[in-house]
């Protein structure tokens, strides 16, 4: 377990984009070392179980920049779990990886590309739409918060 902490590190770039390859900024990215255990049951030899490492664990975190990239260094030849998430823009995505080269790139694709905001004014609910790509810190009316609810779209 201590070996994990002394393994050489490589630069890792995480890319978060939309399906049309537009960058998504402000996504929280976390990489955590894990251990892979083989099951003892001979009838299930092809299955493996990945669990978080109890000792000697390495955890690195960051956020994507305006170009949709997050950069940090991770140990080489060590199993890791990478998670990308944003409370508004995307559901958490996990990926189990192990890097064996001098640098690495992991790409995540999210399908949410807009942010919806809401504020109540009298008996009305006002909804704003912003693009995190165009403006990561939009100017919104006082009391505006992330939209909570469901939307339906009908086209003729």
N, C-alpha and C. Protein backbone atom coordinates (compact mmCIF):
# COMPACT_ATOMS: atom_id res chain seq x y z
N UNK A 1 0.82 -1.19 0.00
CA UNK A 1 0.00 0.00 0.00
C UNK A 1 0.86 1.26 0.00
N UNK A 2 1.99 1.20 0.65
CA UNK A 2 2.86 2.37 0.64
C UNK A 2 3.48 2.59 -0.72
N UNK A 3 3.57 1.53 -1.51
CA UNK A 3 4.14 1.63 -2.84
C UNK A 3 3.38 2.65 -3.69
N UNK A 4 2.09 2.75 -3.48
CA UNK A 4 1.26 3.69 -4.24
C UNK A 4 1.77 5.12 -4.07
N UNK A 5 2.17 5.47 -2.85
CA UNK A 5 2.59 6.85 -2.59
C UNK A 5 3.95 7.19 -3.17
N UNK A 6 4.75 6.19 -3.54
CA UNK A 6 6.08 6.48 -4.09
C UNK A 6 6.18 6.21 -5.59
N UNK A 7 5.10 5.77 -6.20
CA UNK A 7 5.12 5.53 -7.64
C UNK A 7 5.33 6.86 -8.38
N UNK A 8 6.07 6.82 -9.51
CA UNK A 8 6.23 8.05 -10.29
C UNK A 8 4.88 8.56 -10.77
N UNK A 9 4.80 9.86 -10.98
CA UNK A 9 3.54 10.46 -11.42
C UNK A 9 3.65 10.91 -12.88
N UNK A 10 2.47 10.90 -13.52
CA UNK A 10 2.39 11.36 -14.91
C UNK A 10 1.34 12.47 -15.00
N UNK A 11 1.47 13.36 -15.98
CA UNK A 11 0.43 14.38 -16.15
C UNK A 11 -0.83 13.77 -16.74
N UNK A 12 -1.96 14.09 -16.15
CA UNK A 12 -3.26 13.61 -16.62
C UNK A 12 -4.10 14.83 -16.99
N UNK A 13 -4.65 14.80 -18.20
CA UNK A 13 -5.58 15.84 -18.64
C UNK A 13 -6.96 15.21 -18.72
N UNK A 14 -7.93 15.85 -18.10
CA UNK A 14 -9.32 15.43 -18.18
C UNK A 14 -10.03 16.44 -19.06
N UNK A 15 -10.76 15.95 -20.05
CA UNK A 15 -11.52 16.81 -20.96
C UNK A 15 -13.00 16.55 -20.76
N UNK A 16 -13.77 17.63 -20.55
CA UNK A 16 -15.22 17.51 -20.43
C UNK A 16 -15.82 18.33 -21.56
N UNK A 17 -16.59 17.66 -22.43
CA UNK A 17 -17.20 18.35 -23.56
C UNK A 17 -18.65 17.91 -23.74
N UNK A 18 -19.35 18.67 -24.57
CA UNK A 18 -20.69 18.28 -24.98
C UNK A 18 -20.57 17.32 -26.16
N UNK A 19 -21.65 16.68 -26.59
CA UNK A 19 -21.57 15.80 -27.76
C UNK A 19 -21.08 16.52 -29.02
N UNK A 20 -21.27 17.84 -29.09
CA UNK A 20 -20.78 18.58 -30.25
C UNK A 20 -19.40 19.17 -30.00
N UNK A 21 -18.67 18.61 -29.04
CA UNK A 21 -17.28 18.95 -28.68
C UNK A 21 -17.08 20.35 -28.13
N UNK A 22 -18.13 20.97 -27.59
CA UNK A 22 -17.96 22.26 -26.93
C UNK A 22 -17.48 22.01 -25.50
N UNK A 23 -16.52 22.80 -25.01
CA UNK A 23 -16.00 22.58 -23.65
C UNK A 23 -17.02 22.95 -22.57
N UNK A 24 -16.94 22.25 -21.44
CA UNK A 24 -17.81 22.53 -20.30
C UNK A 24 -16.91 22.90 -19.12
N UNK A 25 -17.06 24.12 -18.63
CA UNK A 25 -16.21 24.59 -17.52
C UNK A 25 -16.89 24.37 -16.18
N UNK A 26 -16.09 24.39 -15.11
CA UNK A 26 -16.61 24.31 -13.75
C UNK A 26 -17.02 22.93 -13.29
N UNK A 27 -16.61 21.88 -14.00
CA UNK A 27 -16.95 20.51 -13.61
C UNK A 27 -15.93 20.04 -12.58
N UNK A 28 -16.42 19.49 -11.47
CA UNK A 28 -15.56 18.95 -10.42
C UNK A 28 -15.02 17.60 -10.87
N UNK A 29 -13.70 17.42 -10.80
CA UNK A 29 -13.06 16.16 -11.20
C UNK A 29 -12.25 15.64 -10.02
N UNK A 30 -12.38 14.34 -9.77
CA UNK A 30 -11.66 13.72 -8.67
C UNK A 30 -11.07 12.40 -9.14
N UNK A 31 -9.81 12.15 -8.79
CA UNK A 31 -9.16 10.87 -9.09
C UNK A 31 -8.68 10.28 -7.76
N UNK A 32 -9.05 9.02 -7.51
CA UNK A 32 -8.72 8.35 -6.25
C UNK A 32 -8.11 6.99 -6.58
N UNK A 33 -7.00 6.67 -5.91
CA UNK A 33 -6.40 5.35 -6.12
C UNK A 33 -7.33 4.29 -5.54
N UNK A 34 -7.36 3.14 -6.20
CA UNK A 34 -8.18 2.02 -5.76
C UNK A 34 -7.32 0.76 -5.79
N UNK A 35 -7.83 -0.31 -5.24
CA UNK A 35 -7.18 -1.60 -5.34
C UNK A 35 -8.13 -2.54 -6.06
N UNK A 36 -7.56 -3.46 -6.83
CA UNK A 36 -8.37 -4.45 -7.52
C UNK A 36 -8.11 -5.80 -6.85
N UNK A 37 -9.18 -6.44 -6.39
CA UNK A 37 -9.08 -7.75 -5.75
C UNK A 37 -9.74 -8.79 -6.63
N UNK A 38 -9.08 -9.93 -6.80
CA UNK A 38 -9.69 -11.04 -7.51
C UNK A 38 -10.54 -11.83 -6.53
N UNK A 39 -11.69 -12.27 -6.99
CA UNK A 39 -12.58 -13.07 -6.14
C UNK A 39 -11.96 -14.46 -5.93
N UNK A 40 -12.20 -15.03 -4.74
CA UNK A 40 -11.64 -16.34 -4.42
C UNK A 40 -12.47 -17.49 -4.97
N UNK A 41 -13.72 -17.24 -5.32
CA UNK A 41 -14.59 -18.27 -5.85
C UNK A 41 -14.10 -18.68 -7.24
N UNK A 42 -13.64 -19.93 -7.43
CA UNK A 42 -13.09 -20.33 -8.73
C UNK A 42 -14.09 -20.24 -9.87
N UNK A 43 -15.38 -20.34 -9.58
CA UNK A 43 -16.38 -20.27 -10.65
C UNK A 43 -16.56 -18.83 -11.16
N UNK A 44 -16.00 -17.85 -10.46
CA UNK A 44 -16.15 -16.45 -10.85
C UNK A 44 -14.78 -15.81 -11.08
N UNK A 45 -13.83 -16.55 -11.60
CA UNK A 45 -12.47 -16.04 -11.75
C UNK A 45 -12.36 -14.85 -12.69
N UNK A 46 -13.26 -14.73 -13.64
CA UNK A 46 -13.14 -13.62 -14.58
C UNK A 46 -13.62 -12.30 -13.98
N UNK A 47 -14.31 -12.36 -12.83
CA UNK A 47 -14.82 -11.14 -12.22
C UNK A 47 -13.78 -10.55 -11.28
N UNK A 48 -13.72 -9.24 -11.25
CA UNK A 48 -12.88 -8.55 -10.28
C UNK A 48 -13.72 -7.50 -9.59
N UNK A 49 -13.27 -7.10 -8.42
CA UNK A 49 -13.99 -6.10 -7.64
C UNK A 49 -13.03 -4.95 -7.37
N UNK A 50 -13.46 -3.73 -7.64
CA UNK A 50 -12.64 -2.56 -7.38
C UNK A 50 -13.19 -1.84 -6.16
N UNK A 51 -12.33 -1.61 -5.17
CA UNK A 51 -12.74 -0.90 -3.97
C UNK A 51 -11.73 0.19 -3.67
N UNK A 52 -12.15 1.21 -2.92
CA UNK A 52 -11.21 2.26 -2.57
C UNK A 52 -10.15 1.72 -1.63
N UNK A 53 -8.94 2.18 -1.83
CA UNK A 53 -7.78 1.77 -1.06
C UNK A 53 -7.88 2.31 0.36
N UNK A 54 -7.72 1.46 1.35
CA UNK A 54 -7.85 1.90 2.74
C UNK A 54 -6.61 2.63 3.23
N UNK A 55 -5.42 2.20 2.82
CA UNK A 55 -4.20 2.85 3.28
C UNK A 55 -3.36 3.28 2.09
N UNK A 56 -2.61 4.36 2.25
CA UNK A 56 -1.78 4.85 1.15
C UNK A 56 -2.58 5.41 -0.01
N UNK A 57 -3.80 5.82 0.26
CA UNK A 57 -4.68 6.32 -0.81
C UNK A 57 -4.22 7.69 -1.28
N UNK A 58 -4.30 7.90 -2.59
CA UNK A 58 -4.01 9.20 -3.18
C UNK A 58 -5.29 9.74 -3.77
N UNK A 59 -5.62 10.98 -3.44
CA UNK A 59 -6.83 11.63 -3.94
C UNK A 59 -6.43 13.00 -4.47
N UNK A 60 -6.74 13.25 -5.74
CA UNK A 60 -6.49 14.57 -6.33
C UNK A 60 -7.79 15.10 -6.89
N UNK A 61 -8.01 16.41 -6.76
CA UNK A 61 -9.24 17.02 -7.23
C UNK A 61 -8.93 18.31 -7.98
N UNK A 62 -9.88 18.71 -8.81
CA UNK A 62 -9.75 19.95 -9.54
C UNK A 62 -11.05 20.29 -10.25
N UNK A 63 -11.06 21.40 -10.97
CA UNK A 63 -12.21 21.84 -11.75
C UNK A 63 -11.76 22.13 -13.17
N UNK A 64 -12.67 21.89 -14.11
CA UNK A 64 -12.33 22.20 -15.51
C UNK A 64 -12.28 23.70 -15.71
N UNK A 65 -11.36 24.13 -16.58
CA UNK A 65 -11.21 25.55 -16.88
C UNK A 65 -12.16 25.96 -18.01
N UNK A 66 -11.99 27.15 -18.53
CA UNK A 66 -12.90 27.66 -19.57
C UNK A 66 -12.81 26.86 -20.86
N UNK A 67 -11.74 26.10 -21.03
CA UNK A 67 -11.60 25.26 -22.23
C UNK A 67 -12.02 23.82 -21.97
N UNK A 68 -12.60 23.54 -20.80
CA UNK A 68 -13.10 22.20 -20.48
C UNK A 68 -12.05 21.22 -20.02
N UNK A 69 -10.86 21.71 -19.61
CA UNK A 69 -9.78 20.82 -19.17
C UNK A 69 -9.49 20.97 -17.69
N UNK A 70 -9.10 19.86 -17.08
CA UNK A 70 -8.60 19.83 -15.72
C UNK A 70 -7.29 19.06 -15.80
N UNK A 71 -6.26 19.55 -15.13
CA UNK A 71 -4.94 18.91 -15.22
C UNK A 71 -4.41 18.64 -13.81
N UNK A 72 -3.89 17.44 -13.61
CA UNK A 72 -3.15 17.12 -12.40
C UNK A 72 -2.28 15.91 -12.66
N UNK A 73 -1.45 15.55 -11.68
CA UNK A 73 -0.56 14.40 -11.87
C UNK A 73 -1.07 13.23 -11.03
N UNK A 74 -0.94 12.03 -11.60
CA UNK A 74 -1.41 10.81 -10.96
C UNK A 74 -0.32 9.75 -11.04
N UNK A 75 -0.34 8.77 -10.13
CA UNK A 75 0.67 7.73 -10.18
C UNK A 75 0.50 6.81 -11.38
N UNK A 76 1.60 6.35 -11.91
CA UNK A 76 1.61 5.44 -13.05
C UNK A 76 1.39 4.00 -12.56
N UNK A 77 0.71 3.19 -13.36
CA UNK A 77 0.49 1.75 -13.09
C UNK A 77 -0.23 1.48 -11.77
N UNK A 78 -1.14 2.36 -11.40
CA UNK A 78 -1.91 2.18 -10.17
C UNK A 78 -3.39 2.31 -10.55
N UNK A 79 -4.25 1.36 -10.16
CA UNK A 79 -5.68 1.48 -10.47
C UNK A 79 -6.27 2.73 -9.82
N UNK A 80 -7.08 3.46 -10.60
CA UNK A 80 -7.71 4.68 -10.10
C UNK A 80 -9.16 4.74 -10.55
N UNK A 81 -9.95 5.47 -9.79
CA UNK A 81 -11.32 5.77 -10.18
C UNK A 81 -11.40 7.28 -10.38
N UNK A 82 -11.86 7.68 -11.57
CA UNK A 82 -12.03 9.09 -11.88
C UNK A 82 -13.52 9.40 -11.89
N UNK A 83 -13.89 10.48 -11.20
CA UNK A 83 -15.28 10.91 -11.19
C UNK A 83 -15.36 12.35 -11.66
N UNK A 84 -16.29 12.62 -12.57
CA UNK A 84 -16.56 13.98 -13.05
C UNK A 84 -18.01 14.28 -12.72
N UNK A 85 -18.26 15.46 -12.11
CA UNK A 85 -19.64 15.81 -11.75
C UNK A 85 -19.80 17.32 -11.65
N UNK A 86 -21.03 17.74 -11.79
CA UNK A 86 -21.41 19.14 -11.61
C UNK A 86 -22.84 19.13 -11.11
N UNK A 87 -23.11 19.88 -10.06
CA UNK A 87 -24.43 19.81 -9.42
C UNK A 87 -25.56 20.23 -10.34
N UNK A 88 -25.28 21.01 -11.38
CA UNK A 88 -26.33 21.48 -12.27
C UNK A 88 -26.17 20.92 -13.68
N UNK A 89 -24.96 20.85 -14.17
CA UNK A 89 -24.73 20.57 -15.59
C UNK A 89 -24.68 19.10 -15.98
N UNK A 90 -24.33 18.22 -15.06
CA UNK A 90 -24.20 16.81 -15.46
C UNK A 90 -24.35 15.88 -14.27
N UNK A 91 -24.82 14.69 -14.56
CA UNK A 91 -24.86 13.62 -13.57
C UNK A 91 -23.43 13.13 -13.36
N UNK A 92 -23.11 12.62 -12.17
CA UNK A 92 -21.76 12.10 -11.95
C UNK A 92 -21.45 10.95 -12.92
N UNK A 93 -20.24 10.96 -13.45
CA UNK A 93 -19.75 9.88 -14.31
C UNK A 93 -18.48 9.33 -13.68
N UNK A 94 -18.38 8.00 -13.57
CA UNK A 94 -17.21 7.33 -12.99
C UNK A 94 -16.52 6.51 -14.06
N UNK A 95 -15.22 6.39 -13.91
CA UNK A 95 -14.44 5.56 -14.82
C UNK A 95 -13.27 4.96 -14.05
N UNK A 96 -13.10 3.64 -14.15
CA UNK A 96 -11.95 2.96 -13.55
C UNK A 96 -10.85 2.86 -14.60
N UNK A 97 -9.65 3.32 -14.25
CA UNK A 97 -8.55 3.40 -15.21
C UNK A 97 -7.22 3.01 -14.55
N UNK A 98 -6.24 2.73 -15.40
CA UNK A 98 -4.86 2.57 -14.96
C UNK A 98 -3.99 3.09 -16.10
N UNK A 99 -3.09 4.00 -15.80
CA UNK A 99 -2.26 4.63 -16.82
C UNK A 99 -0.87 4.01 -16.83
N UNK A 100 -0.35 3.73 -18.03
CA UNK A 100 0.97 3.11 -18.16
C UNK A 100 1.83 3.84 -19.19
N UNK A 101 1.54 5.12 -19.44
CA UNK A 101 2.33 5.88 -20.40
C UNK A 101 2.87 7.14 -19.72
N UNK A 102 3.59 7.95 -20.47
CA UNK A 102 4.20 9.14 -19.88
C UNK A 102 3.23 10.30 -19.69
N UNK A 103 2.06 10.23 -20.31
CA UNK A 103 1.00 11.21 -20.10
C UNK A 103 -0.31 10.55 -20.48
N UNK A 104 -1.42 11.16 -20.05
CA UNK A 104 -2.72 10.53 -20.32
C UNK A 104 -3.79 11.60 -20.52
N UNK A 105 -4.81 11.21 -21.29
CA UNK A 105 -5.98 12.04 -21.52
C UNK A 105 -7.21 11.18 -21.33
N UNK A 106 -8.15 11.64 -20.51
CA UNK A 106 -9.44 10.98 -20.33
C UNK A 106 -10.51 11.97 -20.75
N UNK A 107 -11.44 11.51 -21.58
CA UNK A 107 -12.49 12.39 -22.08
C UNK A 107 -13.85 11.95 -21.55
N UNK A 108 -14.58 12.91 -21.01
CA UNK A 108 -15.95 12.68 -20.56
C UNK A 108 -16.87 13.54 -21.42
N UNK A 109 -18.04 13.00 -21.73
CA UNK A 109 -19.01 13.75 -22.52
C UNK A 109 -20.28 13.90 -21.71
N UNK A 110 -20.76 15.13 -21.62
CA UNK A 110 -22.00 15.41 -20.92
C UNK A 110 -23.04 15.88 -21.92
N UNK A 111 -24.30 15.59 -21.68
CA UNK A 111 -25.29 16.02 -22.65
C UNK A 111 -26.06 17.27 -22.21
N UNK A 112 -25.79 17.80 -21.03
CA UNK A 112 -26.43 19.03 -20.60
C UNK A 112 -25.54 20.20 -20.98
N UNK A 113 -26.09 21.16 -21.71
CA UNK A 113 -25.27 22.27 -22.19
C UNK A 113 -25.80 23.63 -21.77
N UNK A 114 -26.89 23.67 -21.02
CA UNK A 114 -27.44 24.95 -20.56
C UNK A 114 -27.71 24.86 -19.07
N UNK A 115 -27.84 26.03 -18.45
CA UNK A 115 -28.24 26.11 -17.06
C UNK A 115 -29.59 26.82 -17.01
N UNK A 116 -30.49 26.28 -16.20
CA UNK A 116 -31.79 26.93 -15.99
C UNK A 116 -31.81 27.49 -14.58
N UNK A 117 -32.29 28.73 -14.47
CA UNK A 117 -32.39 29.42 -13.19
C UNK A 117 -33.84 29.83 -12.96
N UNK A 118 -34.24 29.95 -11.72
CA UNK A 118 -35.62 30.32 -11.41
C UNK A 118 -35.66 31.39 -10.32
N UNK A 119 -36.69 32.21 -10.40
CA UNK A 119 -37.00 33.17 -9.34
C UNK A 119 -38.51 33.38 -9.36
N UNK A 120 -39.10 33.48 -8.18
CA UNK A 120 -40.54 33.74 -8.09
C UNK A 120 -40.77 35.24 -7.96
N UNK A 121 -41.72 35.73 -8.74
CA UNK A 121 -42.08 37.14 -8.70
C UNK A 121 -43.60 37.21 -8.62
N UNK A 122 -44.08 37.52 -7.43
CA UNK A 122 -45.53 37.50 -7.22
C UNK A 122 -46.04 36.07 -7.36
N UNK A 123 -47.00 35.86 -8.27
CA UNK A 123 -47.54 34.52 -8.51
C UNK A 123 -46.92 33.85 -9.72
N UNK A 124 -45.83 34.39 -10.22
CA UNK A 124 -45.21 33.84 -11.43
C UNK A 124 -43.85 33.22 -11.12
N UNK A 125 -43.50 32.21 -11.88
CA UNK A 125 -42.18 31.61 -11.83
C UNK A 125 -41.46 32.02 -13.10
N UNK A 126 -40.36 32.74 -12.94
CA UNK A 126 -39.59 33.21 -14.09
C UNK A 126 -38.37 32.31 -14.25
N UNK A 127 -38.15 31.84 -15.48
CA UNK A 127 -37.03 30.94 -15.78
C UNK A 127 -36.04 31.66 -16.70
N UNK A 128 -34.75 31.60 -16.35
CA UNK A 128 -33.68 32.13 -17.19
C UNK A 128 -32.86 30.96 -17.71
N UNK A 129 -32.37 31.11 -18.90
CA UNK A 129 -31.48 30.11 -19.51
C UNK A 129 -30.14 30.79 -19.73
N UNK A 130 -29.07 30.15 -19.24
CA UNK A 130 -27.72 30.66 -19.48
C UNK A 130 -26.86 29.55 -20.03
N UNK A 131 -25.79 29.92 -20.67
CA UNK A 131 -24.83 28.95 -21.20
C UNK A 131 -23.56 29.02 -20.36
N UNK A 132 -23.19 27.94 -19.70
CA UNK A 132 -21.96 27.97 -18.90
C UNK A 132 -20.72 28.16 -19.77
N UNK A 133 -20.82 27.81 -21.03
CA UNK A 133 -19.70 27.99 -21.94
C UNK A 133 -19.51 29.46 -22.30
N UNK A 134 -20.62 30.18 -22.48
CA UNK A 134 -20.56 31.59 -22.85
C UNK A 134 -20.25 32.48 -21.64
N UNK A 135 -20.77 32.09 -20.48
CA UNK A 135 -20.57 32.91 -19.29
C UNK A 135 -20.64 32.00 -18.06
N UNK A 136 -19.49 31.71 -17.46
CA UNK A 136 -19.46 30.79 -16.33
C UNK A 136 -19.98 31.43 -15.04
N UNK A 137 -20.11 32.76 -15.01
CA UNK A 137 -20.61 33.45 -13.83
C UNK A 137 -21.64 34.49 -14.27
N UNK A 138 -22.85 34.07 -14.68
CA UNK A 138 -23.83 35.01 -15.23
C UNK A 138 -24.37 35.98 -14.17
N UNK A 139 -24.74 37.17 -14.60
CA UNK A 139 -25.39 38.15 -13.73
C UNK A 139 -26.88 37.85 -13.74
N UNK A 140 -27.42 37.48 -12.57
CA UNK A 140 -28.82 37.09 -12.46
C UNK A 140 -29.51 37.95 -11.42
N UNK A 141 -30.83 38.06 -11.48
CA UNK A 141 -31.56 38.84 -10.48
C UNK A 141 -31.37 38.27 -9.07
N UNK A 142 -31.52 39.13 -8.09
CA UNK A 142 -31.42 38.73 -6.70
C UNK A 142 -32.44 37.64 -6.39
N UNK A 143 -32.04 36.60 -5.68
CA UNK A 143 -32.95 35.52 -5.32
C UNK A 143 -33.03 34.41 -6.35
N UNK A 144 -32.28 34.52 -7.43
CA UNK A 144 -32.28 33.50 -8.47
C UNK A 144 -31.53 32.26 -7.96
N UNK A 145 -32.06 31.10 -8.24
CA UNK A 145 -31.41 29.84 -7.84
C UNK A 145 -31.58 28.82 -8.96
N UNK A 146 -30.81 27.73 -8.91
CA UNK A 146 -30.95 26.71 -9.96
C UNK A 146 -32.38 26.20 -10.05
N UNK A 147 -32.85 26.00 -11.26
CA UNK A 147 -34.21 25.54 -11.51
C UNK A 147 -34.40 24.14 -10.95
N UNK A 148 -35.54 23.94 -10.28
CA UNK A 148 -35.92 22.63 -9.75
C UNK A 148 -37.29 22.31 -10.32
N UNK A 149 -37.39 21.23 -11.06
CA UNK A 149 -38.67 20.86 -11.64
C UNK A 149 -38.49 20.13 -12.94
N UNK A 150 -39.54 20.05 -13.71
CA UNK A 150 -39.53 19.34 -14.98
C UNK A 150 -39.99 20.28 -16.08
N UNK A 151 -39.43 20.11 -17.26
CA UNK A 151 -39.84 20.88 -18.42
C UNK A 151 -40.31 19.92 -19.50
N UNK A 152 -41.31 20.35 -20.23
CA UNK A 152 -41.76 19.58 -21.39
C UNK A 152 -41.61 20.45 -22.62
N UNK A 153 -41.20 19.84 -23.70
CA UNK A 153 -41.05 20.57 -24.96
C UNK A 153 -41.92 19.90 -26.01
N UNK A 154 -42.76 20.69 -26.65
CA UNK A 154 -43.61 20.17 -27.71
C UNK A 154 -43.31 20.95 -28.98
N UNK A 155 -43.11 20.28 -30.06
CA UNK A 155 -42.92 20.96 -31.33
C UNK A 155 -43.98 20.48 -32.31
N UNK A 156 -44.35 21.35 -33.24
CA UNK A 156 -45.42 21.01 -34.18
C UNK A 156 -44.85 20.41 -35.43
